[in-house]
Amino acid sequence: MRGRINSYTKVAVLLMVFITLVIGATMSLQQQFGLSDAAAGAIVNIMSTFLGAVLGGTFTLLAVDRTIGKQNEIQFINEFPSKVRMLDEMLTELEEFQTKLTKKNAPFLIVDKNFISGLYDIATSIDGFIYFQVRKAHHEVSTSINQMFHSEQNRVFEEDKYGAHSLIGDKGDILEIELVKLNSCLSSLIGDIINYRNTFIENYNKSIKQTVYKNV
């Protein structure tokens, strides 16, 4: 709000200075070229009309900008509860998934390789930043899990005739490395969402200072 008031003030001051300069220049021309009072007055009237139109248009644009800004602010406040709930839901699901990234549970991770992609709809409802962070994490996690189960070079599990997976005897160290990578990827995504959530709440608390809403 204060920024927009400053914009109004700056525009008004600049235009007043310009008007003063035009009037001064017109008087100087009148003296130099011997213009009549009527001619000088006509020049001043033309310039005043022009500047009045500019001033009116400028204030109209600023008023529209202020209205749009206020609407965006109200929309942000109204959407805040649902977006925080969605962020909390994502954090809960990601933290639960991270608990599965253990050596004991690793043979069953093939079932969960596309788990993160299931969060796309929620992420899209929040904003582009969260969506692309989730998308990036999904790509890294699914690629790593696929390599553990299907890659010729990095495969650490073998499948029996019943479809069950077990660790290949000498691949324990590689599995631990892959689990560290998966945990790191999940921790990075969770950290990004937590930081986003904190910033989101901070911006909300700033937005409601002049409203009836309470801080969270």
Protein backbone atom coordinates (compact mmCIF):
# COMPACT_ATOMS: atom_id res chain seq x y z
CA MET A 1 0.00 0.00 0.00
CA ARG A 2 2.74 2.46 0.98
CA GLY A 3 4.58 1.72 -2.27
CA ARG A 4 1.52 2.64 -4.33
CA ILE A 5 1.02 5.91 -2.38
CA ASN A 6 4.65 6.78 -3.06
CA SER A 7 4.04 6.12 -6.77
CA TYR A 8 1.10 8.56 -6.80
CA THR A 9 3.19 11.20 -5.04
CA LYS A 10 6.16 10.83 -7.39
CA VAL A 11 3.99 11.08 -10.49
CA ALA A 12 2.19 14.14 -9.18
CA VAL A 13 5.43 15.91 -8.23
CA LEU A 14 7.06 15.14 -11.60
CA LEU A 15 4.06 16.43 -13.52
CA MET A 16 3.86 19.59 -11.44
CA VAL A 17 7.54 20.22 -12.07
CA PHE A 18 6.98 19.65 -15.80
CA ILE A 19 4.03 22.04 -15.85
CA THR A 20 6.11 24.68 -14.11
CA LEU A 21 8.90 24.24 -16.64
CA VAL A 22 6.45 24.48 -19.58
CA ILE A 23 4.94 27.69 -18.23
CA GLY A 24 8.43 29.11 -17.67
CA ALA A 25 9.53 28.11 -21.17
CA THR A 26 6.38 29.63 -22.70
CA MET A 27 7.01 32.94 -20.91
CA SER A 28 10.59 32.87 -22.14
CA LEU A 29 9.44 32.28 -25.73
CA GLN A 30 6.91 35.09 -25.35
CA GLN A 31 9.66 37.50 -24.38
CA GLN A 32 12.13 36.25 -26.99
CA PHE A 33 9.80 36.11 -29.99
CA GLY A 34 7.32 38.72 -28.91
CA LEU A 35 4.33 36.38 -28.73
CA SER A 36 1.07 37.95 -27.80
CA ASP A 37 -0.61 37.17 -24.51
CA ALA A 38 -3.28 35.27 -26.41
CA ALA A 39 -0.73 33.09 -28.23
CA ALA A 40 1.19 32.39 -25.03
CA GLY A 41 -2.05 31.58 -23.25
CA ALA A 42 -3.06 29.21 -26.06
CA ILE A 43 0.26 27.36 -25.75
CA VAL A 44 -0.18 27.07 -21.99
CA ASN A 45 -3.75 25.82 -22.44
CA ILE A 46 -2.69 23.19 -24.97
CA MET A 47 0.11 21.96 -22.75
CA SER A 48 -2.13 22.00 -19.68
CA THR A 49 -4.76 19.94 -21.49
CA PHE A 50 -2.14 17.47 -22.66
CA LEU A 51 -0.58 17.17 -19.23
CA GLY A 52 -4.01 16.86 -17.62
CA ALA A 53 -4.78 13.93 -19.89
CA VAL A 54 -1.43 12.33 -19.09
CA LEU A 55 -1.99 12.89 -15.37
CA GLY A 56 -5.50 11.43 -15.51
CA GLY A 57 -4.36 8.40 -17.48
CA THR A 58 -1.45 7.80 -15.12
CA PHE A 59 -3.63 7.91 -12.03
CA THR A 60 -6.16 5.60 -13.74
CA LEU A 61 -3.41 3.06 -14.45
CA LEU A 62 -2.17 3.30 -10.87
CA ALA A 63 -5.72 2.85 -9.56
CA VAL A 64 -6.19 -0.25 -11.76
CA ASP A 65 -2.85 -1.61 -10.53
CA ARG A 66 -3.90 -1.01 -6.95
CA THR A 67 -7.23 -2.77 -7.52
CA ILE A 68 -5.56 -5.77 -9.14
CA GLY A 69 -2.99 -5.90 -6.34
CA LYS A 70 -5.74 -5.83 -3.73
CA GLN A 71 -7.65 -8.61 -5.51
CA ASN A 72 -4.49 -10.73 -5.67
CA GLU A 73 -3.89 -10.12 -1.98
CA ILE A 74 -7.44 -11.19 -1.07
CA GLN A 75 -7.11 -14.27 -3.27
CA PHE A 76 -3.81 -15.14 -1.58
CA ILE A 77 -5.41 -14.84 1.88
CA ASN A 78 -8.45 -16.91 0.88
CA GLU A 79 -6.36 -19.68 -0.69
CA PHE A 80 -3.88 -19.81 2.19
CA PRO A 81 -5.63 -22.45 4.38
CA SER A 82 -6.15 -24.97 1.58
CA LYS A 83 -2.59 -24.58 0.27
CA VAL A 84 -1.06 -25.01 3.72
CA ARG A 85 -3.19 -28.12 4.20
CA MET A 86 -1.93 -29.49 0.88
CA LEU A 87 1.68 -28.72 1.82
CA ASP A 88 1.20 -30.52 5.14
CA GLU A 89 -0.33 -33.49 3.34
CA MET A 90 2.61 -33.69 0.96
CA LEU A 91 5.11 -33.50 3.82
CA THR A 92 3.33 -36.29 5.71
CA GLU A 93 3.28 -38.59 2.68
CA LEU A 94 6.89 -37.88 1.76
CA GLU A 95 8.11 -38.44 5.30
CA GLU A 96 6.21 -41.74 5.46
CA PHE A 97 7.72 -42.80 2.15
CA GLN A 98 11.20 -41.91 3.40
CA THR A 99 10.80 -44.36 6.29
CA LYS A 100 10.60 -47.13 3.67
CA LEU A 101 14.06 -46.37 2.34
CA THR A 102 15.77 -49.01 4.44
CA LYS A 103 17.78 -52.08 3.56
CA LYS A 104 15.05 -54.34 4.98
CA ASN A 105 12.30 -52.75 2.91
CA ALA A 106 14.38 -52.17 -0.22
CA PRO A 107 13.20 -55.34 -2.06
CA PHE A 108 9.67 -53.90 -2.11
CA LEU A 109 10.58 -50.41 -3.43
CA ILE A 110 9.79 -51.45 -6.99
CA VAL A 111 6.11 -51.14 -6.03
CA ASP A 112 6.65 -47.54 -4.91
CA LYS A 113 8.84 -46.30 -7.76
CA ASN A 114 6.06 -44.00 -9.03
CA PHE A 115 4.88 -42.93 -5.58
CA ILE A 116 6.00 -39.31 -5.93
CA SER A 117 4.19 -38.85 -9.25
CA GLY A 118 1.00 -39.41 -7.27
CA LEU A 119 1.63 -35.99 -5.69
CA TYR A 120 1.51 -34.16 -9.04
CA ASP A 121 -2.13 -33.06 -8.69
CA ILE A 122 -1.52 -31.62 -5.23
CA ALA A 123 1.69 -29.91 -6.33
CA THR A 124 -0.04 -28.38 -9.37
CA SER A 125 -2.72 -26.92 -7.09
CA ILE A 126 -0.04 -25.10 -5.08
CA ASP A 127 2.18 -23.52 -7.72
CA GLY A 128 4.76 -24.10 -10.43
CA PHE A 129 7.77 -24.13 -8.11
CA ILE A 130 6.42 -26.97 -5.97
CA TYR A 131 5.28 -28.90 -9.04
CA PHE A 132 8.68 -28.80 -10.71
CA GLN A 133 10.48 -29.71 -7.46
CA VAL A 134 8.19 -32.74 -7.10
CA ARG A 135 8.64 -33.64 -10.76
CA LYS A 136 12.43 -33.46 -10.44
CA ALA A 137 12.39 -35.67 -7.33
CA HIS A 138 10.12 -38.20 -9.02
CA HIS A 139 12.51 -38.50 -11.95
CA GLU A 140 15.51 -39.05 -9.65
CA VAL A 141 13.74 -41.54 -7.38
CA SER A 142 12.11 -43.59 -10.14
CA THR A 143 15.35 -43.70 -12.14
CA SER A 144 17.33 -44.89 -9.10
CA ILE A 145 14.77 -47.58 -8.20
CA ASN A 146 14.58 -48.80 -11.79
CA GLN A 147 18.34 -49.19 -11.87
CA MET A 148 18.30 -51.18 -8.64
CA PHE A 149 15.82 -53.68 -10.11
CA HIS A 150 16.32 -53.63 -13.88
CA SER A 151 19.67 -52.12 -14.85
CA GLU A 152 22.26 -54.48 -16.31
CA GLN A 153 25.15 -52.73 -14.54
CA ASN A 154 23.65 -51.36 -11.30
CA ARG A 155 21.02 -54.00 -10.55
CA VAL A 156 21.15 -55.16 -6.92
CA PHE A 157 18.06 -57.40 -6.81
CA GLU A 158 17.14 -60.56 -8.61
CA GLU A 159 13.61 -61.82 -9.18
CA ASP A 160 12.55 -65.41 -8.59
CA LYS A 161 9.86 -67.28 -10.51
CA TYR A 162 7.22 -66.06 -8.07
CA GLY A 163 8.02 -62.40 -8.68
CA ALA A 164 9.72 -61.87 -5.31
CA HIS A 165 12.98 -59.90 -5.21
CA SER A 166 16.06 -60.64 -3.12
CA LEU A 167 19.43 -58.97 -2.79
CA ILE A 168 22.19 -60.26 -5.03
CA GLY A 169 24.87 -61.59 -2.70
CA ASP A 170 27.73 -59.17 -3.35
CA LYS A 171 25.59 -56.06 -3.99
CA GLY A 172 25.04 -54.94 -0.38
CA ASP A 173 27.43 -51.99 -0.59
CA ILE A 174 25.87 -50.76 -3.83
CA LEU A 175 22.41 -50.99 -2.26
CA GLU A 176 23.52 -48.85 0.68
CA ILE A 177 24.88 -46.22 -1.72
CA GLU A 178 21.59 -46.17 -3.65
CA LEU A 179 19.57 -45.85 -0.44
CA VAL A 180 21.72 -42.90 0.63
CA LYS A 181 21.02 -41.25 -2.73
CA LEU A 182 17.29 -41.86 -2.38
CA ASN A 183 17.23 -40.50 1.18
CA SER A 184 19.19 -37.44 0.07
CA CYS A 185 16.73 -36.77 -2.75
CA LEU A 186 13.73 -37.10 -0.42
CA SER A 187 15.36 -34.93 2.26
CA SER A 188 16.06 -32.23 -0.33
CA LEU A 189 12.44 -32.21 -1.54
CA ILE A 190 11.08 -32.21 2.02
CA GLY A 191 13.43 -29.34 2.90
CA ASP A 192 12.27 -27.32 -0.11
CA ILE A 193 8.62 -27.82 0.84
CA ILE A 194 9.27 -26.88 4.49
CA ASN A 195 11.11 -23.70 3.44
CA TYR A 196 8.33 -22.85 1.00
CA ARG A 197 5.71 -23.44 3.70
CA ASN A 198 7.55 -21.17 6.16
CA THR A 199 7.87 -18.40 3.55
CA PHE A 200 4.21 -18.87 2.61
CA ILE A 201 3.14 -18.39 6.24
CA GLU A 202 5.46 -15.40 6.63
CA ASN A 203 3.92 -13.69 3.57
CA TYR A 204 0.43 -14.48 4.86
CA ASN A 205 1.18 -12.87 8.21
CA LYS A 206 2.44 -9.76 6.43
CA SER A 207 -0.66 -9.61 4.20
CA ILE A 208 -3.17 -9.69 7.07
CA LYS A 209 -1.66 -6.93 9.20
CA GLN A 210 -4.39 -4.49 8.17
CA THR A 211 -7.22 -7.06 8.23
CA VAL A 212 -9.35 -8.87 10.79
CA TYR A 213 -7.43 -12.10 10.24
CA LYS A 214 -5.04 -13.44 12.88
CA ASN A 215 -1.42 -14.51 12.49
CA VAL A 216 -0.60 -18.20 12.26
